[in-house]
């Protein structure tokens, strides 16, 4: 075995292992969702857990934690709103407006930094 092929084979094996672990976590999560009946927003946790675990096991820990945080950041506020019995007719528009403002601000900042870099 040459030294050039060894890292590639190890990388493929790590990817296979990460995919297997991710699949197992996702199936367990689906089983828990079936048992509890908490499909929404529980499915977001399942996706975040499996996707985050796969990235962590591939050595991309920061991205894995970010993925988990992103997918957990969606259902937690939804669960809080459901438990507090706040009307969706109030929350829905405010969430969409807030996300729109964030997207516009980020797009504006990216454009500003790109223009500053060209000078």
N, C-alpha and C. Protein backbone atom coordinates (compact mmCIF):
# COMPACT_ATOMS: atom_id res chain seq x y z
N UNK A 1 0.85 -1.18 0.00
CA UNK A 1 0.00 0.00 0.00
C UNK A 1 0.90 1.24 0.00
N UNK A 2 0.64 2.16 -0.89
CA UNK A 2 1.45 3.36 -0.97
C UNK A 2 0.91 4.42 -0.01
N UNK A 3 1.76 5.38 0.30
CA UNK A 3 1.34 6.43 1.22
C UNK A 3 0.32 7.36 0.57
N UNK A 4 0.28 7.40 -0.76
CA UNK A 4 -0.68 8.27 -1.43
C UNK A 4 -2.10 7.73 -1.34
N UNK A 5 -2.26 6.42 -1.40
CA UNK A 5 -3.61 5.85 -1.37
C UNK A 5 -4.12 5.66 0.06
N UNK A 6 -3.24 5.54 1.02
CA UNK A 6 -3.67 5.28 2.38
C UNK A 6 -4.58 6.37 2.95
N UNK A 7 -4.23 7.66 2.86
CA UNK A 7 -5.14 8.68 3.40
C UNK A 7 -6.50 8.69 2.71
N UNK A 8 -6.52 8.41 1.41
CA UNK A 8 -7.80 8.38 0.71
C UNK A 8 -8.67 7.23 1.21
N UNK A 9 -8.06 6.07 1.44
CA UNK A 9 -8.82 4.93 1.94
C UNK A 9 -9.33 5.18 3.35
N UNK A 10 -8.50 5.80 4.18
CA UNK A 10 -8.92 6.13 5.54
C UNK A 10 -10.06 7.13 5.50
N UNK A 11 -9.96 8.12 4.61
CA UNK A 11 -11.01 9.12 4.49
C UNK A 11 -12.33 8.49 4.05
N UNK A 12 -12.26 7.56 3.09
CA UNK A 12 -13.48 6.86 2.65
C UNK A 12 -14.08 6.05 3.79
N UNK A 13 -13.23 5.40 4.56
CA UNK A 13 -13.72 4.60 5.69
C UNK A 13 -14.36 5.49 6.75
N UNK A 14 -13.75 6.65 7.01
CA UNK A 14 -14.33 7.59 7.97
C UNK A 14 -15.69 8.10 7.49
N UNK A 15 -15.80 8.37 6.19
CA UNK A 15 -17.08 8.83 5.64
C UNK A 15 -18.15 7.74 5.76
N UNK A 16 -17.75 6.50 5.49
CA UNK A 16 -18.72 5.40 5.63
C UNK A 16 -19.18 5.25 7.07
N UNK A 17 -18.23 5.33 7.98
CA UNK A 17 -18.57 5.19 9.40
C UNK A 17 -19.46 6.35 9.84
N UNK A 18 -19.12 7.56 9.43
CA UNK A 18 -19.93 8.73 9.79
C UNK A 18 -21.34 8.61 9.23
N UNK A 19 -21.46 8.13 8.00
CA UNK A 19 -22.78 7.96 7.40
C UNK A 19 -23.59 6.90 8.13
N UNK A 20 -22.92 5.82 8.53
CA UNK A 20 -23.62 4.76 9.26
C UNK A 20 -24.11 5.26 10.62
N UNK A 21 -23.25 5.98 11.32
CA UNK A 21 -23.65 6.53 12.62
C UNK A 21 -24.79 7.52 12.46
N UNK A 22 -24.69 8.37 11.45
CA UNK A 22 -25.74 9.36 11.18
C UNK A 22 -27.07 8.66 10.88
N UNK A 23 -27.02 7.64 10.06
CA UNK A 23 -28.24 6.89 9.73
C UNK A 23 -28.85 6.23 10.96
N UNK A 24 -28.00 5.68 11.81
CA UNK A 24 -28.49 5.05 13.03
C UNK A 24 -29.15 6.05 13.96
N UNK A 25 -28.52 7.21 14.11
CA UNK A 25 -29.10 8.26 14.96
C UNK A 25 -30.44 8.72 14.39
N UNK A 26 -30.51 8.86 13.08
CA UNK A 26 -31.77 9.31 12.47
C UNK A 26 -32.87 8.28 12.68
N UNK A 27 -32.56 6.98 12.53
CA UNK A 27 -33.57 5.94 12.75
C UNK A 27 -34.03 5.90 14.20
N UNK A 28 -33.11 6.04 15.12
CA UNK A 28 -33.49 6.08 16.54
C UNK A 28 -34.38 7.29 16.80
N UNK A 29 -34.02 8.43 16.22
CA UNK A 29 -34.83 9.65 16.38
C UNK A 29 -36.23 9.45 15.83
N UNK A 30 -36.33 8.82 14.67
CA UNK A 30 -37.66 8.55 14.11
C UNK A 30 -38.47 7.63 15.00
N UNK A 31 -37.81 6.63 15.60
CA UNK A 31 -38.48 5.74 16.54
C UNK A 31 -39.03 6.51 17.73
N UNK A 32 -38.24 7.43 18.25
CA UNK A 32 -38.69 8.25 19.38
C UNK A 32 -39.87 9.12 18.96
N UNK A 33 -39.80 9.68 17.74
CA UNK A 33 -40.91 10.50 17.26
C UNK A 33 -42.19 9.67 17.09
N UNK A 34 -42.05 8.44 16.59
CA UNK A 34 -43.22 7.57 16.47
C UNK A 34 -43.82 7.27 17.85
N UNK A 35 -42.95 7.04 18.82
CA UNK A 35 -43.42 6.71 20.15
C UNK A 35 -44.11 7.90 20.83
N UNK A 36 -43.52 9.08 20.69
CA UNK A 36 -44.06 10.26 21.37
C UNK A 36 -45.15 10.98 20.58
N UNK A 37 -45.14 10.81 19.25
CA UNK A 37 -46.10 11.51 18.41
C UNK A 37 -45.77 12.98 18.22
N UNK A 38 -44.55 13.37 18.54
CA UNK A 38 -44.14 14.77 18.47
C UNK A 38 -43.44 15.04 17.13
N UNK A 39 -44.20 14.89 16.04
CA UNK A 39 -43.61 15.00 14.70
C UNK A 39 -43.11 16.40 14.40
N UNK A 40 -43.93 17.38 14.70
CA UNK A 40 -43.48 18.75 14.47
C UNK A 40 -43.41 19.46 15.79
N UNK A 41 -42.33 20.02 16.13
CA UNK A 41 -41.09 20.23 15.41
C UNK A 41 -40.02 19.18 15.69
N UNK A 42 -40.40 18.03 16.22
CA UNK A 42 -39.43 16.99 16.56
C UNK A 42 -38.59 16.51 15.39
N UNK A 43 -39.16 16.52 14.19
CA UNK A 43 -38.40 16.08 13.02
C UNK A 43 -37.19 16.97 12.79
N UNK A 44 -37.28 18.23 13.20
CA UNK A 44 -36.14 19.14 13.06
C UNK A 44 -34.99 18.70 13.97
N UNK A 45 -35.32 18.24 15.17
CA UNK A 45 -34.28 17.71 16.06
C UNK A 45 -33.63 16.48 15.43
N UNK A 46 -34.45 15.60 14.85
CA UNK A 46 -33.91 14.39 14.24
C UNK A 46 -32.95 14.72 13.10
N UNK A 47 -33.32 15.66 12.26
CA UNK A 47 -32.45 16.06 11.16
C UNK A 47 -31.17 16.71 11.69
N UNK A 48 -31.31 17.58 12.68
CA UNK A 48 -30.15 18.24 13.25
C UNK A 48 -29.19 17.28 13.94
N UNK A 49 -29.74 16.33 14.68
CA UNK A 49 -28.90 15.35 15.36
C UNK A 49 -28.12 14.50 14.37
N UNK A 50 -28.81 13.98 13.37
CA UNK A 50 -28.12 13.10 12.42
C UNK A 50 -27.13 13.86 11.56
N UNK A 51 -27.51 15.02 11.07
CA UNK A 51 -26.60 15.82 10.25
C UNK A 51 -25.40 16.32 11.04
N UNK A 52 -25.65 16.77 12.26
CA UNK A 52 -24.56 17.24 13.11
C UNK A 52 -23.61 16.11 13.48
N UNK A 53 -24.15 14.94 13.79
CA UNK A 53 -23.31 13.80 14.15
C UNK A 53 -22.42 13.38 12.98
N UNK A 54 -22.98 13.39 11.79
CA UNK A 54 -22.18 13.00 10.62
C UNK A 54 -21.00 13.96 10.43
N UNK A 55 -21.26 15.25 10.57
CA UNK A 55 -20.18 16.22 10.41
C UNK A 55 -19.13 16.09 11.53
N UNK A 56 -19.57 15.86 12.75
CA UNK A 56 -18.63 15.69 13.86
C UNK A 56 -17.75 14.46 13.62
N UNK A 57 -18.34 13.36 13.20
CA UNK A 57 -17.56 12.15 12.98
C UNK A 57 -16.68 12.22 11.73
N UNK A 58 -16.91 13.20 10.90
CA UNK A 58 -16.01 13.44 9.75
C UNK A 58 -14.91 14.42 10.13
N UNK A 59 -14.90 14.86 11.38
CA UNK A 59 -13.85 15.75 11.84
C UNK A 59 -14.19 17.23 11.70
N UNK A 60 -15.41 17.53 11.35
CA UNK A 60 -15.85 18.92 11.18
C UNK A 60 -16.73 19.31 12.36
N UNK A 61 -16.11 19.38 13.53
CA UNK A 61 -16.85 19.56 14.77
C UNK A 61 -17.62 20.87 14.81
N UNK A 62 -16.98 21.96 14.42
CA UNK A 62 -17.64 23.26 14.48
C UNK A 62 -18.86 23.29 13.56
N UNK A 63 -18.73 22.74 12.36
CA UNK A 63 -19.87 22.70 11.44
C UNK A 63 -20.97 21.79 11.97
N UNK A 64 -20.58 20.69 12.62
CA UNK A 64 -21.57 19.78 13.19
C UNK A 64 -22.37 20.43 14.30
N UNK A 65 -21.68 21.15 15.16
CA UNK A 65 -22.37 21.86 16.24
C UNK A 65 -23.24 22.96 15.68
N UNK A 66 -22.75 23.65 14.65
CA UNK A 66 -23.55 24.70 14.00
C UNK A 66 -24.81 24.14 13.37
N UNK A 67 -24.70 22.98 12.73
CA UNK A 67 -25.86 22.33 12.12
C UNK A 67 -26.88 21.95 13.19
N UNK A 68 -26.41 21.35 14.26
CA UNK A 68 -27.32 20.98 15.35
C UNK A 68 -27.98 22.21 15.94
N UNK A 69 -27.20 23.26 16.16
CA UNK A 69 -27.75 24.50 16.74
C UNK A 69 -28.80 25.11 15.82
N UNK A 70 -28.54 25.10 14.51
CA UNK A 70 -29.50 25.66 13.55
C UNK A 70 -30.81 24.89 13.58
N UNK A 71 -30.73 23.57 13.53
CA UNK A 71 -31.95 22.79 13.50
C UNK A 71 -32.67 22.76 14.84
N UNK A 72 -31.97 23.03 15.94
CA UNK A 72 -32.62 23.13 17.25
C UNK A 72 -33.18 24.53 17.46
N UNK A 73 -32.60 25.52 16.80
CA UNK A 73 -33.08 26.89 16.96
C UNK A 73 -34.45 27.08 16.34
N UNK A 74 -34.82 26.23 15.42
CA UNK A 74 -36.14 26.34 14.79
C UNK A 74 -37.24 25.78 15.69
N UNK A 75 -37.13 24.54 16.19
CA UNK A 75 -38.25 23.98 16.96
C UNK A 75 -38.42 24.52 18.37
N UNK A 76 -37.35 24.98 19.00
CA UNK A 76 -37.49 25.43 20.39
C UNK A 76 -38.43 26.63 20.50
N UNK A 77 -38.26 27.69 19.69
CA UNK A 77 -39.23 28.79 19.77
C UNK A 77 -40.65 28.36 19.39
N UNK A 78 -40.76 27.46 18.44
CA UNK A 78 -42.09 26.97 18.04
C UNK A 78 -42.74 26.25 19.22
N UNK A 79 -41.97 25.42 19.91
CA UNK A 79 -42.50 24.70 21.06
C UNK A 79 -42.92 25.68 22.16
N UNK A 80 -42.11 26.72 22.39
CA UNK A 80 -42.45 27.73 23.40
C UNK A 80 -43.74 28.45 23.04
N UNK A 81 -43.89 28.81 21.77
CA UNK A 81 -45.11 29.50 21.32
C UNK A 81 -46.33 28.59 21.49
N UNK A 82 -46.16 27.30 21.18
CA UNK A 82 -47.27 26.36 21.35
C UNK A 82 -47.67 26.23 22.81
N UNK A 83 -46.68 26.13 23.70
CA UNK A 83 -46.97 25.96 25.12
C UNK A 83 -47.57 27.23 25.73
N UNK A 84 -47.13 28.39 25.24
CA UNK A 84 -47.63 29.66 25.77
C UNK A 84 -48.98 30.03 25.15
N UNK A 85 -49.41 29.28 24.17
CA UNK A 85 -50.68 29.51 23.47
C UNK A 85 -50.77 30.92 22.89
N UNK A 86 -49.68 31.36 22.28
CA UNK A 86 -49.65 32.64 21.58
C UNK A 86 -50.23 32.40 20.19
N UNK A 87 -51.12 33.25 19.72
CA UNK A 87 -51.75 33.01 18.41
C UNK A 87 -50.73 33.10 17.26
N UNK A 88 -50.80 32.11 16.35
CA UNK A 88 -49.90 32.08 15.20
C UNK A 88 -50.14 33.26 14.27
N UNK A 89 -51.33 33.83 14.29
CA UNK A 89 -51.60 34.99 13.44
C UNK A 89 -50.75 36.18 13.85
N UNK A 90 -50.24 36.17 15.08
CA UNK A 90 -49.34 37.22 15.54
C UNK A 90 -47.88 36.82 15.32
N UNK A 91 -47.55 35.59 15.68
CA UNK A 91 -46.16 35.13 15.63
C UNK A 91 -45.67 34.95 14.19
N UNK A 92 -46.48 34.34 13.34
CA UNK A 92 -46.07 34.04 11.97
C UNK A 92 -45.56 35.26 11.21
N UNK A 93 -46.37 36.33 11.12
CA UNK A 93 -45.90 37.51 10.41
C UNK A 93 -44.64 38.12 11.03
N UNK A 94 -44.57 38.16 12.36
CA UNK A 94 -43.39 38.73 13.00
C UNK A 94 -42.13 37.92 12.71
N UNK A 95 -42.26 36.61 12.69
CA UNK A 95 -41.11 35.76 12.37
C UNK A 95 -40.66 36.00 10.93
N UNK A 96 -41.61 36.04 10.00
CA UNK A 96 -41.24 36.26 8.60
C UNK A 96 -40.62 37.65 8.39
N UNK A 97 -41.17 38.65 9.03
CA UNK A 97 -40.61 40.00 8.93
C UNK A 97 -39.19 40.03 9.51
N UNK A 98 -39.01 39.40 10.66
CA UNK A 98 -37.69 39.36 11.29
C UNK A 98 -36.66 38.65 10.44
N UNK A 99 -37.03 37.50 9.87
CA UNK A 99 -36.11 36.77 9.00
C UNK A 99 -35.78 37.61 7.77
N UNK A 100 -36.77 38.27 7.20
CA UNK A 100 -36.52 39.13 6.05
C UNK A 100 -35.56 40.25 6.36
N UNK A 101 -35.71 40.87 7.51
CA UNK A 101 -34.80 41.95 7.91
C UNK A 101 -33.38 41.41 8.09
N UNK A 102 -33.26 40.26 8.73
CA UNK A 102 -31.94 39.66 8.92
C UNK A 102 -31.27 39.36 7.58
N UNK A 103 -32.02 38.79 6.64
CA UNK A 103 -31.47 38.48 5.32
C UNK A 103 -31.00 39.75 4.62
N UNK A 104 -31.81 40.81 4.67
CA UNK A 104 -31.43 42.06 4.03
C UNK A 104 -30.18 42.68 4.67
N UNK A 105 -30.10 42.63 5.99
CA UNK A 105 -28.93 43.19 6.68
C UNK A 105 -27.67 42.39 6.32
N UNK A 106 -27.77 41.08 6.33
CA UNK A 106 -26.61 40.25 5.99
C UNK A 106 -26.20 40.49 4.54
N UNK A 107 -27.16 40.54 3.63
CA UNK A 107 -26.85 40.80 2.22
C UNK A 107 -26.18 42.16 2.06
N UNK A 108 -26.66 43.15 2.79
CA UNK A 108 -26.06 44.48 2.73
C UNK A 108 -24.64 44.48 3.27
N UNK A 109 -24.41 43.77 4.37
CA UNK A 109 -23.07 43.71 4.94
C UNK A 109 -22.10 42.97 4.02
N UNK A 110 -22.56 41.89 3.42
CA UNK A 110 -21.70 41.14 2.49
C UNK A 110 -21.34 42.02 1.31
N UNK A 111 -22.31 42.73 0.75
CA UNK A 111 -22.05 43.62 -0.37
C UNK A 111 -21.08 44.71 0.03
N UNK A 112 -21.24 45.25 1.22
CA UNK A 112 -20.34 46.30 1.70
C UNK A 112 -18.91 45.79 1.82
N UNK A 113 -18.75 44.62 2.41
CA UNK A 113 -17.40 44.06 2.57
C UNK A 113 -16.77 43.70 1.23
N UNK A 114 -17.57 43.21 0.30
CA UNK A 114 -17.04 42.88 -1.02
C UNK A 114 -16.56 44.14 -1.72
N UNK A 115 -17.34 45.21 -1.63
CA UNK A 115 -16.95 46.47 -2.25
C UNK A 115 -15.70 47.06 -1.59
N UNK A 116 -15.60 46.91 -0.28
CA UNK A 116 -14.42 47.43 0.43
C UNK A 116 -13.18 46.65 0.03
N UNK A 117 -13.33 45.37 -0.24
CA UNK A 117 -12.20 44.53 -0.63
C UNK A 117 -11.70 44.84 -2.03
N UNK A 118 -12.55 45.39 -2.89
CA UNK A 118 -12.16 45.69 -4.27
C UNK A 118 -11.37 46.98 -4.36
N UNK A 119 -11.46 47.82 -3.38
CA UNK A 119 -10.76 49.12 -3.44
C UNK A 119 -9.29 48.99 -3.18
